[in-house]
């Protein structure tokens, strides 16, 4: 977590200068992205190769909407960085009209909505299966089932795109250990992936345009919205800024207009968001004396950040101390750092319980026996 704190920097702290490229590491990443502006290297798959035709525990008759999943390049080296995505076609019939959504999706007024979980390092499969996605896991007397979510965002209708990023998150990977170290690298990787994605689904999402500089380009043909939570509050503005700059500077041959963003519980201002004292005091987790101590530590944290130290231990203690002390010296449970109305057992095997159901999703996707009851027991 401390190593990834650098991704939480404000732009000026991350080395964003007067020009258009972050520095020092981000400048190299931006240069690499510009050099690769002609498009992703190597062959890209066709939509039919990534179409999901069968999903364990899902009755095909209950969910006919077309969906696609797989890995696409996040950089010019075809043997290194790959981001995992899952795309769902729109559905205006609530899944009852027998349509796969592709005819509806061809309407350019139907938006494309990107969902990103935060972390950094939290898989967007949590968003898909536990929050706003089309499918969810449910246990029953006959075992687990995958069922449609009646509150899914694809019913708006909208194309919904869930992405595990940056590399090393969820099902995304780097084969050569090239993990992102700063915002510039995260942004460049994501932009490369997004242009790769749009090229794969060009028949649905892209139209040709004549560039101002006489170069032929492709352009997104519909509204595009970013959405996400927590650390996505940092990712999303930075990514959108990067995309708009690439558009304006003609450093891409896939022009991506942006229509807006929706951010929930966003990590947007670490300087003021590290402290949990006010919430903990309001919930009765700490008393007034403890709050005064935490307030003093917050000022110490802010002084450290003002001095350029973004890895100050005192900043992490602002939340960690609340959690650690919440159960008392002899208690067996502590408050969840994500939801003060939830409590978790100290040292419980398998780690945190929040968000509810995440262990079931991990079991479903990775085969680990962390669900209760076991998802794959007796399934071979």
Protein backbone atom coordinates (compact mmCIF):
# COMPACT_ATOMS: atom_id res chain seq x y z
CA UNK A 1 0.00 0.00 0.00
CA UNK A 2 2.85 2.42 0.82
CA UNK A 3 4.57 1.79 -2.52
CA UNK A 4 1.34 2.56 -4.35
CA UNK A 5 0.81 5.79 -2.42
CA UNK A 6 2.69 7.59 -5.16
CA UNK A 7 -0.38 7.04 -7.31
CA UNK A 8 -2.29 9.23 -4.84
CA UNK A 9 -0.20 12.32 -5.47
CA UNK A 10 -1.64 15.59 -6.57
CA UNK A 11 -0.54 16.40 -10.18
CA UNK A 12 2.10 18.93 -9.13
CA UNK A 13 3.53 16.42 -6.63
CA UNK A 14 3.70 13.68 -9.25
CA UNK A 15 5.97 15.83 -11.41
CA UNK A 16 3.35 17.35 -13.72
CA UNK A 17 5.18 20.29 -15.25
CA UNK A 18 4.33 23.14 -17.58
CA UNK A 19 4.27 20.83 -20.58
CA UNK A 20 1.89 18.05 -21.49
CA UNK A 21 3.84 15.09 -20.12
CA UNK A 22 4.44 14.05 -16.52
CA UNK A 23 8.04 13.82 -15.36
CA UNK A 24 10.40 12.16 -14.86
CA UNK A 25 8.98 8.64 -15.28
CA UNK A 26 5.71 9.90 -16.68
CA UNK A 27 7.52 11.85 -19.42
CA UNK A 28 9.03 8.61 -20.73
CA UNK A 29 5.65 6.91 -20.58
CA UNK A 30 4.01 9.75 -22.49
CA UNK A 31 6.76 9.64 -25.10
CA UNK A 32 6.21 5.92 -25.54
CA UNK A 33 2.49 6.49 -25.94
CA UNK A 34 3.09 9.17 -28.57
CA UNK A 35 5.49 6.90 -30.45
CA UNK A 36 2.81 4.23 -30.52
CA UNK A 37 0.08 6.61 -31.69
CA UNK A 38 -0.31 4.78 -34.98
CA UNK A 39 -2.09 2.05 -33.07
CA UNK A 40 -1.51 -1.11 -31.06
CA UNK A 41 1.30 -3.32 -32.27
CA UNK A 42 0.54 -6.84 -33.40
CA UNK A 43 -2.74 -8.48 -34.22
CA UNK A 44 -5.85 -7.77 -32.19
CA UNK A 45 -8.60 -10.37 -31.68
CA UNK A 46 -11.98 -10.15 -33.33
CA UNK A 47 -15.12 -9.57 -31.23
CA UNK A 48 -16.23 -13.13 -31.94
CA UNK A 49 -13.03 -14.47 -30.37
CA UNK A 50 -13.83 -12.68 -27.11
CA UNK A 51 -17.56 -13.32 -27.04
CA UNK A 52 -18.57 -15.25 -23.92
CA UNK A 53 -20.68 -18.18 -25.07
CA UNK A 54 -20.94 -20.12 -21.83
CA UNK A 55 -20.55 -19.08 -18.21
CA UNK A 56 -20.48 -21.60 -15.33
CA UNK A 57 -23.57 -21.49 -13.08
CA UNK A 58 -25.47 -19.23 -15.51
CA UNK A 59 -28.59 -20.48 -17.28
CA UNK A 60 -28.31 -19.13 -20.84
CA UNK A 61 -32.08 -18.84 -21.05
CA UNK A 62 -32.02 -16.33 -18.17
CA UNK A 63 -29.43 -14.03 -19.72
CA UNK A 64 -29.29 -13.63 -23.49
CA UNK A 65 -27.43 -10.32 -23.64
CA UNK A 66 -24.17 -10.48 -25.60
CA UNK A 67 -21.04 -10.05 -23.53
CA UNK A 68 -17.34 -10.16 -24.30
CA UNK A 69 -14.26 -10.65 -22.14
CA UNK A 70 -10.53 -11.08 -22.50
CA UNK A 71 -7.11 -9.44 -22.43
CA UNK A 72 -5.98 -6.58 -24.67
CA UNK A 73 -2.57 -4.89 -24.89
CA UNK A 74 -1.77 -1.91 -22.66
CA UNK A 75 1.50 -1.10 -24.41
CA UNK A 76 3.39 -1.59 -27.67
CA UNK A 77 5.16 -4.78 -26.50
CA UNK A 78 2.68 -7.56 -27.40
CA UNK A 79 4.35 -9.91 -24.91
CA UNK A 80 4.13 -7.71 -21.83
CA UNK A 81 1.23 -5.63 -20.49
CA UNK A 82 -2.36 -6.85 -20.83
CA UNK A 83 -5.51 -5.45 -19.22
CA UNK A 84 -8.55 -7.65 -18.64
CA UNK A 85 -12.00 -6.33 -19.55
CA UNK A 86 -15.61 -7.50 -19.57
CA UNK A 87 -18.08 -5.74 -21.90
CA UNK A 88 -21.87 -6.08 -21.81
CA UNK A 89 -24.27 -5.02 -24.54
CA UNK A 90 -27.21 -2.79 -23.59
CA UNK A 91 -30.64 -4.18 -22.77
CA UNK A 92 -33.83 -2.11 -22.72
CA UNK A 93 -36.10 -5.11 -22.25
CA UNK A 94 -34.94 -6.21 -18.82
CA UNK A 95 -33.69 -9.44 -20.37
CA UNK A 96 -37.22 -10.52 -21.28
CA UNK A 97 -37.27 -9.77 -25.00
CA UNK A 98 -34.81 -12.50 -26.02
CA UNK A 99 -32.50 -9.93 -27.62
CA UNK A 100 -28.73 -10.07 -27.40
CA UNK A 101 -28.57 -6.27 -27.28
CA UNK A 102 -26.40 -5.81 -30.36
CA UNK A 103 -29.10 -4.21 -32.51
CA UNK A 104 -29.90 -1.77 -29.71
CA UNK A 105 -26.19 -1.19 -29.14
CA UNK A 106 -25.70 -0.08 -32.74
CA UNK A 107 -27.63 3.10 -31.93
CA UNK A 108 -24.95 5.79 -31.40
CA UNK A 109 -27.10 7.51 -28.78
CA UNK A 110 -26.60 4.53 -26.45
CA UNK A 111 -23.59 5.46 -24.29
CA UNK A 112 -20.49 3.48 -23.38
CA UNK A 113 -19.97 3.49 -19.59
CA UNK A 114 -16.60 2.50 -18.11
CA UNK A 115 -16.49 1.24 -14.51
CA UNK A 116 -13.28 1.25 -12.44
CA UNK A 117 -12.88 0.04 -8.87
CA UNK A 118 -10.24 1.73 -6.77
CA UNK A 119 -7.62 0.46 -4.35
CA UNK A 120 -5.23 1.04 -5.90
CA UNK A 121 -5.29 -2.60 -6.92
CA UNK A 122 -8.98 -3.51 -6.46
CA UNK A 123 -10.48 -5.59 -9.24
CA UNK A 124 -13.40 -4.12 -11.16
CA UNK A 125 -14.93 -7.59 -11.03
CA UNK A 126 -16.18 -6.47 -7.60
CA UNK A 127 -18.15 -3.76 -9.37
CA UNK A 128 -19.42 -6.23 -11.96
CA UNK A 129 -20.59 -8.99 -9.62
CA UNK A 130 -21.26 -7.10 -6.36
CA UNK A 131 -22.39 -3.63 -7.34
CA UNK A 132 -23.81 -2.44 -10.66
CA UNK A 133 -23.06 -5.23 -13.13
CA UNK A 134 -25.50 -7.46 -15.03
CA UNK A 135 -24.73 -10.65 -13.07
CA UNK A 136 -24.51 -11.74 -9.46
CA UNK A 137 -23.79 -14.94 -7.53
CA UNK A 138 -26.50 -16.23 -5.21
CA UNK A 139 -26.45 -19.33 -2.96
CA UNK A 140 -29.42 -21.64 -2.73
CA UNK A 141 -30.51 -25.07 -1.52
CA UNK A 142 -29.40 -26.60 -4.78
CA UNK A 143 -26.05 -24.79 -4.74
CA UNK A 144 -24.79 -21.54 -6.20
CA UNK A 145 -26.28 -19.86 -9.27
CA UNK A 146 -25.36 -16.93 -11.45
CA UNK A 147 -28.43 -14.76 -12.02
CA UNK A 148 -29.23 -11.44 -13.74
CA UNK A 149 -29.08 -8.29 -11.62
CA UNK A 150 -32.33 -6.33 -12.09
CA UNK A 151 -30.54 -3.12 -11.09
CA UNK A 152 -27.68 -3.42 -13.58
CA UNK A 153 -26.50 -0.32 -15.39
CA UNK A 154 -26.66 -2.04 -18.79
CA UNK A 155 -30.45 -1.73 -18.47
CA UNK A 156 -30.23 2.08 -18.80
CA UNK A 157 -29.64 1.07 -21.67
CA UNK A 158 -25.85 1.38 -21.98
CA UNK A 159 -22.80 -0.54 -23.03
CA UNK A 160 -21.01 -1.28 -19.74
CA UNK A 161 -17.27 -1.92 -19.66
CA UNK A 162 -15.48 -3.26 -16.55
CA UNK A 163 -11.68 -3.04 -16.58
CA UNK A 164 -9.03 -4.42 -14.22
CA UNK A 165 -6.28 -1.80 -14.10
CA UNK A 166 -3.44 -0.95 -13.69
CA UNK A 167 -1.45 -4.07 -14.58
CA UNK A 168 -1.15 -6.36 -11.58
CA UNK A 169 -4.77 -5.73 -10.59
CA UNK A 170 -7.26 -8.61 -10.71
CA UNK A 171 -6.84 -10.55 -13.95
CA UNK A 172 -4.57 -7.96 -15.61
CA UNK A 173 -0.83 -8.57 -15.74
CA UNK A 174 2.61 -7.60 -16.91
CA UNK A 175 4.74 -10.53 -18.06
CA UNK A 176 7.99 -8.58 -17.62
CA UNK A 177 7.44 -6.89 -14.26
CA UNK A 178 6.73 -3.45 -15.73
CA UNK A 179 4.34 -2.27 -13.03
CA UNK A 180 3.18 1.34 -13.05
CA UNK A 181 5.11 3.69 -10.76
CA UNK A 182 3.24 6.96 -11.32
CA UNK A 183 0.17 8.56 -12.84
CA UNK A 184 1.76 9.10 -16.25
CA UNK A 185 2.38 5.38 -16.68
CA UNK A 186 -1.12 4.46 -15.48
CA UNK A 187 -2.65 6.96 -17.91
CA UNK A 188 -0.50 5.89 -20.87
CA UNK A 189 -1.28 2.20 -20.31
CA UNK A 190 -4.99 2.87 -20.00
CA UNK A 191 -5.09 5.04 -23.12
CA UNK A 192 -3.25 2.37 -25.11
CA UNK A 193 -5.68 -0.28 -23.86
CA UNK A 194 -8.71 1.89 -24.65
CA UNK A 195 -7.58 2.51 -28.23
CA UNK A 196 -6.94 -1.24 -28.55
CA UNK A 197 -10.44 -1.95 -27.26
CA UNK A 198 -12.10 0.53 -29.60
CA UNK A 199 -10.24 -0.93 -32.57
CA UNK A 200 -11.46 -4.42 -31.72
CA UNK A 201 -15.05 -3.17 -31.61
CA UNK A 202 -14.61 -0.56 -34.35
CA UNK A 203 -17.72 -1.66 -36.24
CA UNK A 204 -19.78 -0.70 -33.21
CA UNK A 205 -17.90 2.24 -31.71
CA UNK A 206 -15.79 4.05 -34.34
CA UNK A 207 -16.41 6.21 -37.42
CA UNK A 208 -13.78 7.67 -39.80
CA UNK A 209 -13.07 11.40 -39.76
CA UNK A 210 -10.76 13.75 -41.64
CA UNK A 211 -8.17 15.19 -39.28
CA UNK A 212 -7.31 18.88 -39.21
CA UNK A 213 -3.75 17.99 -40.17
CA UNK A 214 -4.84 16.00 -43.22
CA UNK A 215 -4.42 12.63 -41.48
CA UNK A 216 -7.24 10.12 -41.52
CA UNK A 217 -8.43 9.25 -38.07
CA UNK A 218 -11.14 7.30 -36.28
CA UNK A 219 -13.53 8.82 -33.76
CA UNK A 220 -15.74 7.40 -31.04
CA UNK A 221 -19.33 7.60 -32.28
CA UNK A 222 -21.24 7.80 -28.98
CA UNK A 223 -21.13 9.36 -25.48
CA UNK A 224 -18.45 7.94 -23.21
CA UNK A 225 -18.74 8.20 -19.43
CA UNK A 226 -16.21 7.19 -16.81
CA UNK A 227 -17.49 5.90 -13.47
CA UNK A 228 -15.90 4.43 -10.39
CA UNK A 229 -15.33 4.60 -6.66
CA UNK A 230 -12.67 5.16 -4.03
CA UNK A 231 -9.21 5.46 -5.67
CA UNK A 232 -10.96 5.78 -9.03
CA UNK A 233 -11.57 9.32 -7.78
CA UNK A 234 -7.88 9.81 -8.51
CA UNK A 235 -7.61 7.62 -11.60
CA UNK A 236 -10.55 9.05 -13.51
CA UNK A 237 -9.71 12.79 -13.61
CA UNK A 238 -6.10 11.98 -14.49
CA UNK A 239 -7.10 9.54 -17.25
CA UNK A 240 -9.66 11.91 -18.71
CA UNK A 241 -7.14 14.74 -18.73
CA UNK A 242 -4.62 12.50 -20.49
CA UNK A 243 -7.15 11.43 -23.14
CA UNK A 244 -8.23 15.01 -23.85
CA UNK A 245 -4.63 16.13 -24.24
CA UNK A 246 -3.90 13.32 -26.68
CA UNK A 247 -6.96 14.38 -28.67
CA UNK A 248 -6.00 18.07 -28.71
CA UNK A 249 -2.36 17.45 -29.60
CA UNK A 250 -3.23 14.95 -32.37
CA UNK A 251 -1.09 12.34 -30.61
CA UNK A 252 -3.56 9.58 -31.37
CA UNK A 253 -5.31 8.34 -34.48
CA UNK A 254 -8.32 7.24 -32.39
CA UNK A 255 -10.05 10.39 -31.15
CA UNK A 256 -12.00 9.77 -27.94
CA UNK A 257 -14.45 12.55 -26.98
CA UNK A 258 -15.57 12.45 -23.35
CA UNK A 259 -19.06 13.19 -22.07
CA UNK A 260 -18.69 13.06 -18.29
CA UNK A 261 -17.86 11.11 -15.17
CA UNK A 262 -19.52 9.78 -12.01
CA UNK A 263 -17.39 9.18 -8.92
CA UNK A 264 -18.64 7.71 -5.64
CA UNK A 265 -16.76 7.91 -2.35
CA UNK A 266 -13.82 9.26 -4.32
CA UNK A 267 -10.22 9.42 -3.08
CA UNK A 268 -9.63 12.92 -4.45
CA UNK A 269 -7.78 14.82 -1.72
CA UNK A 270 -5.45 12.74 0.50
CA UNK A 271 -4.38 15.89 2.35
CA UNK A 272 -7.85 16.12 3.90
CA UNK A 273 -9.13 12.56 3.52
CA UNK A 274 -6.55 10.52 5.46
CA UNK A 275 -8.13 11.26 8.82
CA UNK A 276 -11.09 9.19 10.03
CA UNK A 277 -11.41 11.05 13.33
CA UNK A 278 -14.65 12.92 12.62
CA UNK A 279 -16.45 9.83 11.34
CA UNK A 280 -15.12 7.64 14.16
CA UNK A 281 -16.15 10.18 16.81
CA UNK A 282 -19.59 10.65 15.27
CA UNK A 283 -20.12 6.87 15.25
CA UNK A 284 -19.04 6.52 18.88
CA UNK A 285 -15.93 4.51 18.05
CA UNK A 286 -13.51 6.97 19.69
CA UNK A 287 -14.05 9.42 22.54
CA UNK A 288 -13.21 13.12 22.60
CA UNK A 289 -9.71 12.60 24.01
CA UNK A 290 -8.89 10.05 21.31
CA UNK A 291 -10.24 12.40 18.66
CA UNK A 292 -8.00 15.21 19.92
CA UNK A 293 -5.00 12.88 19.61
CA UNK A 294 -6.00 11.90 16.07
CA UNK A 295 -6.48 15.56 15.12
CA UNK A 296 -2.94 16.28 16.28
CA UNK A 297 -1.62 13.38 14.19
CA UNK A 298 -3.55 14.69 11.17
CA UNK A 299 -1.75 18.03 11.44
CA UNK A 300 1.55 16.12 11.64
CA UNK A 301 0.58 14.16 8.52
CA UNK A 302 -0.28 17.36 6.64
CA UNK A 303 3.05 18.95 7.61
CA UNK A 304 4.83 15.88 6.24
CA UNK A 305 2.93 16.11 2.96
CA UNK A 306 3.63 19.84 2.73
CA UNK A 307 7.30 18.93 3.02
CA UNK A 308 7.07 16.44 0.17
CA UNK A 309 6.91 13.25 2.26
CA UNK A 310 4.05 11.22 0.79
CA UNK A 311 5.06 8.05 2.63
CA UNK A 312 4.73 9.34 6.19
CA UNK A 313 3.78 6.54 8.57
CA UNK A 314 1.67 8.89 10.67
CA UNK A 315 -0.73 9.36 7.73
CA UNK A 316 -1.50 5.64 7.58
CA UNK A 317 -1.98 5.53 11.35
CA UNK A 318 -4.87 8.00 11.13
CA UNK A 319 -7.16 5.15 10.04
CA UNK A 320 -5.17 2.14 11.22
CA UNK A 321 -5.18 3.34 14.84
CA UNK A 322 -8.96 3.72 14.80
CA UNK A 323 -9.41 0.17 13.51
CA UNK A 324 -6.83 -1.35 15.85
CA UNK A 325 -8.21 0.32 18.96
CA UNK A 326 -11.89 -0.13 18.12
CA UNK A 327 -12.11 -3.59 19.72
CA UNK A 328 -10.33 -2.70 22.91
CA UNK A 329 -7.29 -4.47 24.36
CA UNK A 330 -9.04 -7.81 24.86
CA UNK A 331 -11.62 -7.66 22.10
CA UNK A 332 -11.91 -10.25 19.36
CA UNK A 333 -13.47 -7.97 16.72
CA UNK A 334 -12.55 -4.65 15.12
CA UNK A 335 -14.53 -2.21 13.03
CA UNK A 336 -14.24 -2.55 9.23
CA UNK A 337 -12.09 0.16 7.72
CA UNK A 338 -14.56 0.36 4.84
CA UNK A 339 -17.88 0.50 6.73
CA UNK A 340 -18.14 1.57 10.37
CA UNK A 341 -21.40 -0.37 10.73
CA UNK A 342 -19.58 -3.67 10.05
CA UNK A 343 -17.27 -5.55 12.43
CA UNK A 344 -14.70 -8.22 11.57
CA UNK A 345 -12.86 -10.83 13.61
CA UNK A 346 -9.26 -10.02 14.48
CA UNK A 347 -6.84 -12.16 12.50
CA UNK A 348 -9.69 -13.95 10.76
CA UNK A 349 -8.41 -16.35 8.09
CA UNK A 350 -8.88 -15.01 4.58
CA UNK A 351 -8.65 -11.35 5.60
CA UNK A 352 -11.34 -8.70 5.38
CA UNK A 353 -15.04 -9.45 5.00
CA UNK A 354 -15.87 -6.25 3.10
CA UNK A 355 -17.37 -5.89 0.57
CA UNK A 356 -19.84 -8.69 1.35
CA UNK A 357 -19.50 -11.42 -1.27
CA UNK A 358 -15.99 -10.59 -2.48
CA UNK A 359 -14.64 -13.95 -1.33
CA UNK A 360 -17.36 -15.69 -3.33
CA UNK A 361 -16.39 -13.76 -6.47
CA UNK A 362 -12.70 -14.59 -5.92
CA UNK A 363 -13.59 -18.25 -5.55
CA UNK A 364 -15.69 -18.19 -8.71
CA UNK A 365 -12.99 -16.50 -10.79
CA UNK A 366 -9.90 -18.11 -9.26
CA UNK A 367 -10.98 -21.46 -7.85
CA UNK A 368 -9.90 -20.75 -4.26
CA UNK A 369 -12.15 -22.32 -1.67
CA UNK A 370 -13.00 -19.12 0.18
CA UNK A 371 -16.78 -19.09 -0.22
CA UNK A 372 -19.35 -20.40 2.22
CA UNK A 373 -20.89 -22.71 1.20
CA UNK A 374 -18.12 -23.74 -1.24
CA UNK A 375 -18.97 -22.79 -4.82
CA UNK A 376 -17.10 -25.56 -6.57
CA UNK A 377 -17.48 -28.37 -4.02
CA UNK A 378 -18.28 -31.59 -5.82
CA UNK A 379 -18.24 -29.92 -9.22
CA UNK A 380 -15.05 -31.57 -10.37
